[in-house]
Amino acid sequence: MTTHSPADLGEAVRGLATELGDLLVLDEETRSQFTTDYGKIVHRTPGAVARCSNAEEVARVVRACRAAGVPVVGRGPGHTQTGQSTTEGGVLFDTSAMQVIHEIDAETLIAVCDAGVIWRDLTAATVEQGLVPRVLTNNLGVSIGGTLSVAGLGVASFRYGAQVDNVTELEVVTGTGEIVLCSPEKNSDLFDVVRSGLSQFGIITKVHVQLRRAKPRVRKYFLLYDDLGALMKDCEGSMQVGDETIHSLESWCSPCFQGVRKIGDGMELGVGAQTFAYWMYPLHVTVEYDEGAEPNDEEILARFSPYRHLETSDYTQHEFCERLLPLFTLWDRSGYTEMAHPWMETVLPWDKAQEFIELALSQLPPQALGPGGHILLWPSRADTSKAPLFKHPEGEFVMGWGILPGVPKEFLDMALAQLDMASELSIGFGGKRYLSGYITFDTAEKWEAHFGSETWARIKEAKKRYDPDGILDTGFFRF
């Protein structure tokens, strides 16, 4: 790709505006809405915002950007955390202009929709027909194309894999400006690198999403563990192949504040001490059922051995899908949403997970999470996801772990240093980082270590084929 100086890049973008007309928006007010992502760590200002309603318009803009040597990036609500959906001076595709749900087929269990459709809207439309996407992330306010560009993990992933494992066809505009339909049977090379490819090879414009039939009611059992090993053993029993009793598993690490303890050899006034917590492990287990056919609570609970069974609650299917919406409202009220979000998420080998998690938690003062911050646990099977670019440890089971803090600006540098250490420690334990979060892989060698030599070679070859001029590269990957 032609390397422009900032002034030359600005001139090139203005030239594109003359050529592309209403497809590009250059006013400062619009561009200022896309200067950062959810992480609020990286700040870049796009030279223009592209609002395209279909693949043909996206392809036209991409071809023009390629000819002018202007970088491009796709973006939905921008839930990444290290600037993956930002660009400095380039063209940013605001996919919110592609919001059409074209078809929901109750026979084939496929929904066809634009990549800019928000999962919340697709879920609402499918639940009305007794259907639901097979895997939903906790936050439904993100776009379909966005989560497919990373992986898309949810509380049913132990059964169905990631969201990238539950699409049958994609319409993609490559870095050459070509519109390509791809699937496991057709243009499978592109299909395999676009899923979890962080828009390095093409911009997803239309998606065929797999659905499942869903019962109208959901019963949730709120269980609390004081032993991570016991929780993991119970999860193993609930994730066996062929056992379809349990529909979802959702868990966290929750601090029980214990006060201030001395650290080191001495303790002076105001120093030499740290707050600490006793960590507990909530596990939420769900079973779906029809009206008038309630599950047998005694039989379900006999499968688990928690420290305490806290309560049992019933939901409609739609209420369950949106169960965390009140939490996001509290985040807005508490100021958490406006803080920086350097989320460090990793997928750990099952046999190393308890050791790593307990070690990490022992060094974590509870206030480091900030108001609204939390620590995620994600028990799953390793064999449910086959997407080549979504990397996770081998084995029968894996455990996802994520520290999701809200960090005030004045403490950000300190927090990033600590999160870098936690990231390196997780990799040392055999973990694989989840790539939407706070990632600091600053060399090609680190990216190759993450993907493995064979997959990294495949990535570089695909980059040459589908984006030969490198216009889709925001500097996140290090080739």
Protein backbone atom coordinates (compact mmCIF):
# COMPACT_ATOMS: atom_id res chain seq x y z
CA MET A 1 0.00 0.00 0.00
CA THR A 2 1.16 3.53 -0.73
CA THR A 3 2.35 5.20 2.48
CA HIS A 4 0.97 8.73 2.77
CA SER A 5 2.04 11.52 5.08
CA PRO A 6 -0.86 12.77 7.20
CA ALA A 7 -1.31 15.77 4.89
CA ASP A 8 -1.19 13.62 1.75
CA LEU A 9 -3.60 11.10 3.29
CA GLY A 10 -6.04 13.91 4.05
CA GLU A 11 -5.77 15.12 0.47
CA ALA A 12 -6.33 11.57 -0.84
CA VAL A 13 -9.47 11.19 1.30
CA ARG A 14 -10.84 14.51 0.08
CA GLY A 15 -10.28 13.30 -3.45
CA LEU A 16 -12.26 10.15 -2.66
CA ALA A 17 -15.12 12.29 -1.39
CA THR A 18 -15.31 13.99 -4.77
CA GLU A 19 -15.41 10.58 -6.47
CA LEU A 20 -17.76 8.78 -4.06
CA GLY A 21 -20.16 11.57 -3.14
CA ASP A 22 -22.70 10.81 -0.41
CA LEU A 23 -21.09 7.47 0.47
CA LEU A 24 -18.42 9.35 2.44
CA VAL A 25 -18.99 11.77 5.33
CA LEU A 26 -16.11 14.12 6.13
CA ASP A 27 -17.54 16.56 8.66
CA GLU A 28 -15.66 16.78 11.94
CA GLU A 29 -18.72 16.13 14.12
CA THR A 30 -19.32 12.75 12.47
CA ARG A 31 -15.67 11.71 12.46
CA SER A 32 -15.32 12.64 16.13
CA GLN A 33 -17.85 9.94 17.04
CA PHE A 34 -15.40 7.24 15.92
CA THR A 35 -12.10 8.34 17.46
CA THR A 36 -11.88 5.48 19.95
CA ASP A 37 -13.48 2.14 20.76
CA TYR A 38 -14.94 0.65 23.93
CA GLY A 39 -11.46 0.27 25.40
CA LYS A 40 -10.88 4.05 25.36
CA ILE A 41 -7.12 3.40 25.24
CA VAL A 42 -6.30 4.03 21.57
CA HIS A 43 -7.44 7.32 20.01
CA ARG A 44 -7.41 7.87 16.25
CA THR A 45 -9.48 10.14 14.03
CA PRO A 46 -10.71 8.75 10.70
CA GLY A 47 -10.38 10.90 7.62
CA ALA A 48 -13.89 9.97 6.54
CA VAL A 49 -16.81 7.77 7.56
CA ALA A 50 -18.36 5.54 4.90
CA ARG A 51 -22.04 4.73 5.20
CA CYS A 52 -22.91 2.00 2.73
CA SER A 53 -26.16 0.09 2.60
CA ASN A 54 -25.04 -2.97 0.61
CA ALA A 55 -22.04 -4.92 -0.64
CA GLU A 56 -21.95 -3.13 -3.97
CA GLU A 57 -21.48 0.24 -2.26
CA VAL A 58 -18.87 -1.20 0.11
CA ALA A 59 -16.97 -2.69 -2.85
CA ARG A 60 -17.05 0.64 -4.70
CA VAL A 61 -15.53 2.44 -1.70
CA VAL A 62 -12.91 -0.28 -1.14
CA ARG A 63 -11.80 -0.19 -4.79
CA ALA A 64 -11.47 3.59 -4.66
CA CYS A 65 -9.50 3.42 -1.39
CA ARG A 66 -7.22 0.77 -2.82
CA ALA A 67 -6.47 2.88 -5.88
CA ALA A 68 -5.72 5.90 -3.69
CA GLY A 69 -3.73 3.97 -1.09
CA VAL A 70 -6.14 4.87 1.72
CA PRO A 71 -6.53 2.43 4.65
CA VAL A 72 -10.01 1.23 5.59
CA VAL A 73 -11.55 -0.42 8.64
CA GLY A 74 -14.99 -1.87 9.35
CA ARG A 75 -16.84 -1.01 12.55
CA GLY A 76 -20.14 -1.75 14.22
CA PRO A 77 -20.71 -0.41 17.76
CA GLY A 78 -16.92 -0.57 18.26
CA HIS A 79 -16.69 -2.93 21.23
CA THR A 80 -12.99 -3.72 20.70
CA GLN A 81 -10.52 -2.49 23.29
CA THR A 82 -7.16 -1.84 21.58
CA GLY A 83 -8.19 0.25 18.59
CA GLN A 84 -9.00 -2.72 16.33
CA SER A 85 -11.98 -0.79 14.91
CA THR A 86 -10.27 2.60 14.54
CA THR A 87 -8.13 4.23 11.86
CA GLU A 88 -5.91 7.31 11.80
CA GLY A 89 -6.87 9.33 8.75
CA GLY A 90 -8.34 6.42 6.78
CA VAL A 91 -11.89 5.52 5.83
CA LEU A 92 -14.03 3.92 8.55
CA PHE A 93 -17.04 1.86 7.46
CA ASP A 94 -19.94 2.51 9.81
CA THR A 95 -21.86 -0.72 9.34
CA SER A 96 -24.91 0.61 11.20
CA ALA A 97 -26.22 1.54 7.75
CA MET A 98 -26.56 -2.19 6.98
CA GLN A 99 -29.37 -3.23 9.31
CA VAL A 100 -31.73 -5.40 7.27
CA ILE A 101 -32.89 -8.82 8.46
CA HIS A 102 -33.66 -10.34 5.07
CA GLU A 103 -35.14 -13.69 6.09
CA ILE A 104 -35.83 -15.94 9.06
CA ASP A 105 -36.48 -19.47 7.82
CA ALA A 106 -38.11 -21.71 10.43
CA GLU A 107 -37.63 -24.77 8.22
CA THR A 108 -33.91 -24.52 7.51
CA LEU A 109 -33.25 -22.72 10.85
CA ILE A 110 -31.27 -20.00 9.06
CA ALA A 111 -31.51 -16.22 9.39
CA VAL A 112 -30.08 -14.09 6.58
CA CYS A 113 -29.14 -10.58 7.64
CA ASP A 114 -26.80 -7.70 7.00
CA ALA A 115 -23.56 -7.71 8.99
CA GLY A 116 -24.51 -4.45 10.71
CA VAL A 117 -27.59 -6.01 12.33
CA ILE A 118 -27.34 -5.91 16.12
CA TRP A 119 -27.72 -9.27 17.84
CA ARG A 120 -30.43 -7.78 20.06
CA ASP A 121 -32.62 -7.07 17.03
CA LEU A 122 -32.09 -10.49 15.48
CA THR A 123 -32.82 -12.20 18.81
CA ALA A 124 -36.06 -10.26 19.29
CA ALA A 125 -37.19 -11.20 15.79
CA THR A 126 -36.38 -14.90 16.15
CA VAL A 127 -37.82 -15.38 19.66
CA GLU A 128 -41.22 -14.36 18.29
CA GLN A 129 -41.06 -17.51 16.13
CA GLY A 130 -39.84 -19.83 18.88
CA LEU A 131 -36.26 -19.65 17.61
CA VAL A 132 -33.01 -18.22 18.92
CA PRO A 133 -29.44 -17.92 17.58
CA ARG A 134 -27.47 -20.93 18.78
CA VAL A 135 -24.83 -18.83 20.55
CA LEU A 136 -25.34 -15.35 21.99
CA THR A 137 -22.72 -13.19 23.67
CA ASN A 138 -23.61 -11.62 27.02
CA ASN A 139 -23.90 -8.18 25.42
CA LEU A 140 -26.50 -8.21 22.64
CA GLY A 141 -25.75 -4.61 21.71
CA VAL A 142 -22.94 -5.60 19.34
CA SER A 143 -23.10 -6.30 15.61
CA ILE A 144 -23.17 -9.68 13.93
CA GLY A 145 -20.27 -8.82 11.64
CA GLY A 146 -18.27 -7.52 14.59
CA THR A 147 -18.45 -10.64 16.74
CA LEU A 148 -17.84 -12.91 13.76
CA SER A 149 -14.64 -10.99 13.09
CA VAL A 150 -13.39 -12.06 16.54
CA ALA A 151 -15.17 -15.31 17.54
CA GLY A 152 -18.26 -14.60 19.65
CA LEU A 153 -18.38 -16.61 22.88
CA GLY A 154 -21.44 -17.26 25.00
CA VAL A 155 -22.97 -19.34 27.76
CA ALA A 156 -24.04 -22.02 25.26
CA SER A 157 -20.62 -22.31 23.59
CA PHE A 158 -19.90 -25.55 25.45
CA ARG A 159 -22.64 -27.05 23.29
CA TYR A 160 -22.43 -25.10 20.00
CA GLY A 161 -18.98 -23.52 19.84
CA ALA A 162 -18.41 -19.84 19.10
CA GLN A 163 -20.64 -17.71 16.90
CA VAL A 164 -18.13 -18.18 14.06
CA ASP A 165 -18.98 -21.90 14.18
CA ASN A 166 -22.66 -21.15 13.64
CA VAL A 167 -22.73 -19.41 10.27
CA THR A 168 -23.24 -21.26 6.99
CA GLU A 169 -22.42 -18.55 4.43
CA LEU A 170 -20.84 -15.10 4.35
CA GLU A 171 -20.89 -12.33 1.80
CA VAL A 172 -17.52 -10.58 1.95
CA VAL A 173 -15.91 -7.61 0.21
CA THR A 174 -12.20 -8.38 0.03
CA GLY A 175 -9.37 -5.87 0.10
CA THR A 176 -9.36 -5.94 -3.70
CA GLY A 177 -12.96 -4.72 -3.78
CA GLU A 178 -14.34 -8.06 -4.98
CA ILE A 179 -17.67 -9.34 -3.63
CA VAL A 180 -17.29 -13.02 -2.72
CA LEU A 181 -19.78 -15.53 -1.31
CA CYS A 182 -18.00 -18.06 0.87
CA SER A 183 -19.00 -21.10 2.92
CA PRO A 184 -17.51 -24.45 3.98
CA GLU A 185 -18.18 -25.69 0.43
CA LYS A 186 -17.54 -22.54 -1.63
CA ASN A 187 -14.43 -20.34 -1.38
CA SER A 188 -13.70 -22.10 1.89
CA ASP A 189 -10.22 -20.55 2.17
CA LEU A 190 -11.78 -17.10 2.52
CA PHE A 191 -14.53 -18.43 4.80
CA ASP A 192 -11.90 -19.82 7.15
CA VAL A 193 -9.82 -16.65 7.44
CA VAL A 194 -12.64 -14.10 7.57
CA ARG A 195 -14.13 -15.80 10.63
CA SER A 196 -12.08 -14.57 13.59
CA GLY A 197 -9.90 -12.65 11.11
CA LEU A 198 -10.46 -9.18 12.61
CA SER A 199 -11.34 -7.78 9.15
CA GLN A 200 -7.79 -8.36 7.86
CA PHE A 201 -8.96 -10.08 4.66
CA GLY A 202 -12.35 -8.57 3.93
CA ILE A 203 -15.38 -6.75 5.28
CA ILE A 204 -18.34 -8.99 6.06
CA THR A 205 -21.52 -7.54 4.54
CA LYS A 206 -24.13 -10.33 4.82
CA VAL A 207 -24.43 -13.40 7.05
CA HIS A 208 -26.37 -16.68 7.17
CA VAL A 209 -26.78 -17.39 10.90
CA GLN A 210 -27.77 -20.78 12.30
CA LEU A 211 -30.76 -20.82 14.68
CA ARG A 212 -32.23 -23.45 16.97
CA ARG A 213 -35.71 -24.14 18.25
CA ALA A 214 -36.09 -22.76 21.76
CA LYS A 215 -38.64 -23.51 24.44
CA PRO A 216 -40.49 -20.47 25.77
CA ARG A 217 -39.38 -20.69 29.41
CA VAL A 218 -35.99 -20.77 31.11
CA ARG A 219 -35.33 -21.81 34.71
CA LYS A 220 -32.10 -20.53 36.24
CA TYR A 221 -30.43 -22.05 39.30
CA PHE A 222 -28.17 -19.63 41.19
CA LEU A 223 -25.37 -21.71 42.73
CA LEU A 224 -22.41 -20.44 44.76
CA TYR A 225 -19.07 -22.26 45.15
CA ASP A 226 -16.17 -21.56 47.49
CA ASP A 227 -13.98 -24.12 45.70
CA LEU A 228 -13.03 -23.57 42.05
CA GLY A 229 -12.07 -27.21 41.65
CA ALA A 230 -15.56 -28.32 42.74
CA LEU A 231 -17.16 -25.94 40.26
CA MET A 232 -14.98 -27.26 37.44
CA LYS A 233 -15.81 -30.87 38.31
CA ASP A 234 -19.54 -30.10 38.26
CA CYS A 235 -19.17 -28.29 34.93
CA GLU A 236 -17.40 -31.30 33.45
CA GLY A 237 -20.41 -33.41 34.32
CA SER A 238 -22.75 -30.91 32.67
CA MET A 239 -20.78 -30.64 29.43
CA GLN A 240 -20.73 -34.31 28.44
CA VAL A 241 -21.51 -35.05 24.81
CA GLY A 242 -25.07 -36.27 24.36
CA ASP A 243 -26.34 -34.84 27.65
CA GLU A 244 -28.72 -32.05 26.67
CA THR A 245 -30.24 -31.38 30.10
CA ILE A 246 -28.31 -28.18 30.80
CA HIS A 247 -28.69 -25.37 28.27
CA SER A 248 -26.24 -22.79 29.58
CA LEU A 249 -23.41 -22.35 32.09
CA GLU A 250 -22.43 -18.87 33.26
CA SER A 251 -19.86 -18.10 35.93
CA TRP A 252 -17.63 -15.44 37.55
CA CYS A 253 -15.00 -14.94 40.20
CA SER A 254 -16.52 -12.69 42.88
CA PRO A 255 -14.47 -11.01 45.62
CA CYS A 256 -15.70 -11.16 49.21
CA PHE A 257 -13.87 -8.19 50.75
CA GLN A 258 -11.84 -9.15 53.83
CA GLY A 259 -10.19 -5.88 54.80
CA VAL A 260 -6.54 -4.79 54.68
CA ARG A 261 -3.56 -7.09 55.18
CA LYS A 262 0.11 -6.42 55.64
CA ILE A 263 2.42 -7.06 52.69
CA GLY A 264 6.19 -7.35 52.87
CA ASP A 265 8.33 -7.13 56.01
CA GLY A 266 7.31 -3.71 57.26
CA MET A 267 4.23 -1.56 57.47
CA GLU A 268 4.42 2.21 57.69
CA LEU A 269 1.46 4.52 57.94
CA GLY A 270 -0.43 4.37 54.65
CA VAL A 271 1.95 1.92 52.93
CA GLY A 272 2.92 -1.73 53.18
CA ALA A 273 -0.66 -2.94 53.14
CA GLN A 274 -3.22 -4.03 50.58
CA THR A 275 -6.91 -4.83 50.54
CA PHE A 276 -7.70 -8.45 49.87
CA ALA A 277 -10.64 -10.72 49.20
CA TYR A 278 -11.81 -14.26 49.71
CA TRP A 279 -12.92 -15.37 46.26
CA MET A 280 -16.22 -17.07 45.59
CA TYR A 281 -17.47 -18.57 42.33
CA PRO A 282 -21.11 -18.07 41.31
CA LEU A 283 -22.44 -20.51 38.72
CA HIS A 284 -25.74 -19.93 36.94
CA VAL A 285 -27.23 -23.04 35.36
CA THR A 286 -30.26 -23.01 33.09
CA VAL A 287 -32.81 -25.49 31.81
CA GLU A 288 -35.39 -24.68 29.12
CA TYR A 289 -38.95 -25.94 29.37
CA ASP A 290 -42.48 -25.64 27.96
CA GLU A 291 -45.36 -24.06 29.83
CA GLY A 292 -46.81 -26.60 32.24
CA ALA A 293 -43.77 -28.90 32.00
CA GLU A 294 -41.51 -27.49 34.69
CA PRO A 295 -38.16 -29.26 35.24
CA ASN A 296 -37.60 -31.46 38.27
CA ASP A 297 -35.54 -29.19 40.53
CA GLU A 298 -34.40 -32.01 42.76
CA GLU A 299 -32.99 -33.99 39.84
CA ILE A 300 -31.23 -30.94 38.36
CA LEU A 301 -29.69 -29.83 41.64
CA ALA A 302 -28.51 -33.37 42.44
CA ARG A 303 -25.99 -32.94 39.60
CA PHE A 304 -24.18 -30.14 41.48
CA SER A 305 -22.36 -29.77 44.79
CA PRO A 306 -22.18 -26.02 45.52
CA TYR A 307 -21.34 -24.28 48.76
CA ARG A 308 -24.87 -22.94 48.65
CA HIS A 309 -27.93 -22.95 46.38
CA LEU A 310 -29.01 -19.31 46.54
CA GLU A 311 -32.23 -19.25 44.57
CA THR A 312 -34.16 -20.47 41.54
CA SER A 313 -35.85 -18.07 39.08
CA ASP A 314 -37.96 -18.43 35.96
CA TYR A 315 -37.66 -16.29 32.83
CA THR A 316 -39.22 -16.03 29.43
CA GLN A 317 -36.77 -16.94 26.68
CA HIS A 318 -36.45 -13.27 25.69
CA GLU A 319 -35.89 -12.17 29.29
CA PHE A 320 -33.09 -14.68 29.61
CA CYS A 321 -31.39 -13.53 26.42
CA GLU A 322 -31.47 -9.95 27.78
CA ARG A 323 -30.69 -10.91 31.38
CA LEU A 324 -27.66 -8.59 31.65
CA LEU A 325 -29.30 -5.47 30.27
CA PRO A 326 -29.97 -4.10 33.81
CA LEU A 327 -26.24 -4.51 34.56
CA PHE A 328 -25.30 -2.38 31.56
CA THR A 329 -27.72 0.29 32.79
CA LEU A 330 -25.96 0.26 36.18
CA TRP A 331 -22.61 0.62 34.39
CA ASP A 332 -23.91 3.78 32.73
CA ARG A 333 -25.14 5.20 36.04
CA SER A 334 -21.96 4.37 37.97
CA GLY A 335 -19.57 5.92 35.45
CA TYR A 336 -18.03 2.56 34.55
CA THR A 337 -19.00 2.95 30.88
CA GLU A 338 -16.98 6.16 30.54
CA MET A 339 -13.79 4.65 32.00
CA ALA A 340 -11.09 2.83 30.06
CA HIS A 341 -11.77 -0.90 29.55
CA PRO A 342 -8.50 -2.80 29.05
CA TRP A 343 -10.14 -6.20 29.23
CA MET A 344 -7.71 -9.13 29.41
CA GLU A 345 -9.46 -12.30 28.31
CA THR A 346 -7.72 -15.62 27.83
CA VAL A 347 -8.72 -19.24 27.16
CA LEU A 348 -6.82 -21.65 29.42
CA PRO A 349 -6.08 -25.38 29.31
CA TRP A 350 -8.50 -27.11 31.66
CA ASP A 351 -5.77 -28.85 33.64
CA LYS A 352 -3.89 -25.58 34.25
CA ALA A 353 -6.86 -23.29 34.76
CA GLN A 354 -7.35 -23.65 38.51
CA GLU A 355 -3.68 -23.08 39.26
CA PHE A 356 -3.49 -19.97 37.08
CA ILE A 357 -6.77 -18.46 38.28
CA GLU A 358 -6.06 -18.95 41.97
CA LEU A 359 -2.56 -17.51 41.53
CA ALA A 360 -3.87 -14.48 39.64
CA LEU A 361 -6.66 -13.84 42.14
CA SER A 362 -4.27 -14.06 45.09
CA GLN A 363 -2.42 -11.04 43.72
CA LEU A 364 -5.50 -9.01 42.79
CA PRO A 365 -6.81 -6.35 45.21
CA PRO A 366 -10.59 -6.16 44.74
CA GLN A 367 -10.65 -2.40 44.12
CA ALA A 368 -8.54 -2.93 40.97
CA LEU A 369 -11.72 -3.94 39.15
CA GLY A 370 -13.26 -0.50 39.61
CA PRO A 371 -17.00 0.14 39.96
CA GLY A 372 -18.81 -2.42 37.83
CA GLY A 373 -15.70 -4.37 36.86
CA HIS A 374 -15.82 -8.13 37.17
CA ILE A 375 -13.93 -11.35 36.45
CA LEU A 376 -15.43 -13.74 33.98
CA LEU A 377 -15.30 -17.55 34.00
CA TRP A 378 -16.22 -19.43 30.83
CA PRO A 379 -16.27 -23.24 31.08
CA SER A 380 -16.57 -24.90 27.69
CA ARG A 381 -15.68 -27.89 25.58
CA ALA A 382 -12.63 -27.44 23.37
CA ASP A 383 -13.99 -29.56 20.53
CA THR A 384 -17.11 -27.50 19.76
CA SER A 385 -15.19 -24.81 17.88
CA LYS A 386 -13.48 -25.66 14.60
CA ALA A 387 -12.81 -22.14 13.24
CA PRO A 388 -9.11 -22.16 12.23
CA LEU A 389 -8.32 -18.61 13.40
CA PHE A 390 -10.05 -18.84 16.79
CA LYS A 391 -7.19 -20.22 18.81
CA HIS A 392 -7.71 -22.08 22.06
CA PRO A 393 -5.87 -24.86 23.91
CA GLU A 394 -6.38 -28.47 22.93
CA GLY A 395 -8.06 -31.04 25.17
CA GLU A 396 -11.60 -32.03 26.05
CA PHE A 397 -12.42 -28.88 28.02
CA VAL A 398 -11.14 -25.31 28.24
CA MET A 399 -11.71 -22.51 30.73
CA GLY A 400 -12.02 -18.90 29.68
CA TRP A 401 -10.96 -16.28 32.20
CA GLY A 402 -11.26 -12.55 31.78
CA ILE A 403 -10.50 -9.60 34.01
CA LEU A 404 -12.85 -6.82 32.89
CA PRO A 405 -11.99 -3.66 34.82
CA GLY A 406 -13.10 -0.08 34.48
CA VAL A 407 -9.99 2.08 34.97
CA PRO A 408 -9.89 5.84 35.67
CA LYS A 409 -7.47 7.72 33.42
CA GLU A 410 -5.01 8.50 36.22
CA PHE A 411 -4.51 4.78 36.98
CA LEU A 412 -4.44 3.51 33.39
CA ASP A 413 -0.67 3.14 32.94
CA MET A 414 -0.37 1.15 36.16
CA ALA A 415 -3.31 -1.06 35.20
CA LEU A 416 -1.95 -1.76 31.72
CA ALA A 417 1.41 -2.86 33.13
CA GLN A 418 -0.32 -5.27 35.50
CA LEU A 419 -2.58 -6.61 32.75
CA ASP A 420 0.42 -7.17 30.50
CA MET A 421 1.95 -9.33 33.23
CA ALA A 422 -1.30 -11.27 33.63
CA SER A 423 -1.45 -11.80 29.88
CA GLU A 424 2.11 -13.13 29.71
CA LEU A 425 1.44 -15.37 32.72
CA SER A 426 -1.66 -16.85 31.05
CA ILE A 427 0.32 -17.56 27.89
CA GLY A 428 2.99 -19.21 30.04
CA PHE A 429 0.26 -21.49 31.39
CA GLY A 430 -0.69 -22.46 27.83
CA GLY A 431 -3.53 -19.96 27.37
CA LYS A 432 -4.60 -18.24 24.16
CA ARG A 433 -5.68 -14.60 24.25
CA TYR A 434 -9.13 -13.54 23.01
CA LEU A 435 -8.37 -10.93 20.39
CA SER A 436 -11.08 -8.29 20.88
CA GLY A 437 -9.54 -7.16 24.17
CA TYR A 438 -6.39 -5.39 25.35
CA ILE A 439 -3.68 -6.97 23.18
CA THR A 440 -0.03 -5.89 22.97
CA PHE A 441 1.44 -8.37 20.49
CA ASP A 442 3.95 -5.93 19.00
CA THR A 443 6.02 -8.26 16.82
CA ALA A 444 5.31 -10.80 14.09
CA GLU A 445 6.92 -13.43 16.32
CA LYS A 446 4.29 -12.92 19.01
CA TRP A 447 1.49 -13.24 16.46
CA GLU A 448 3.07 -16.38 15.06
CA ALA A 449 3.35 -17.79 18.60
CA HIS A 450 -0.35 -17.09 19.15
CA PHE A 451 -1.58 -18.67 15.91
CA GLY A 452 1.11 -21.32 15.48
CA SER A 453 3.51 -21.47 12.53
CA GLU A 454 1.18 -23.34 10.18
CA THR A 455 -1.80 -21.03 10.73
CA TRP A 456 0.42 -17.92 10.63
CA ALA A 457 1.77 -18.98 7.23
CA ARG A 458 -1.82 -19.44 6.08
CA ILE A 459 -2.70 -15.96 7.36
CA LYS A 460 0.19 -14.31 5.50
CA GLU A 461 -0.69 -16.11 2.28
CA ALA A 462 -4.36 -15.11 2.63
CA LYS A 463 -3.32 -11.50 3.26
CA LYS A 464 -1.38 -11.44 -0.01
CA ARG A 465 -4.30 -12.97 -1.87
CA TYR A 466 -7.27 -11.05 -0.47
CA ASP A 467 -5.66 -7.76 0.56
CA PRO A 468 -2.47 -7.49 -1.53
CA ASP A 469 -2.08 -3.74 -0.95
CA GLY A 470 -2.66 -3.97 2.80
CA ILE A 471 -5.45 -1.41 2.98
CA LEU A 472 -7.32 -3.44 5.61
CA ASP A 473 -4.43 -3.34 8.08
CA THR A 474 -4.86 -0.93 11.01
CA GLY A 475 -1.49 -1.88 12.49
CA PHE A 476 -3.05 -4.32 14.96
CA PHE A 477 -1.52 -7.39 13.30
CA ARG A 478 2.25 -7.26 12.82
CA PHE A 479 3.07 -8.88 9.52
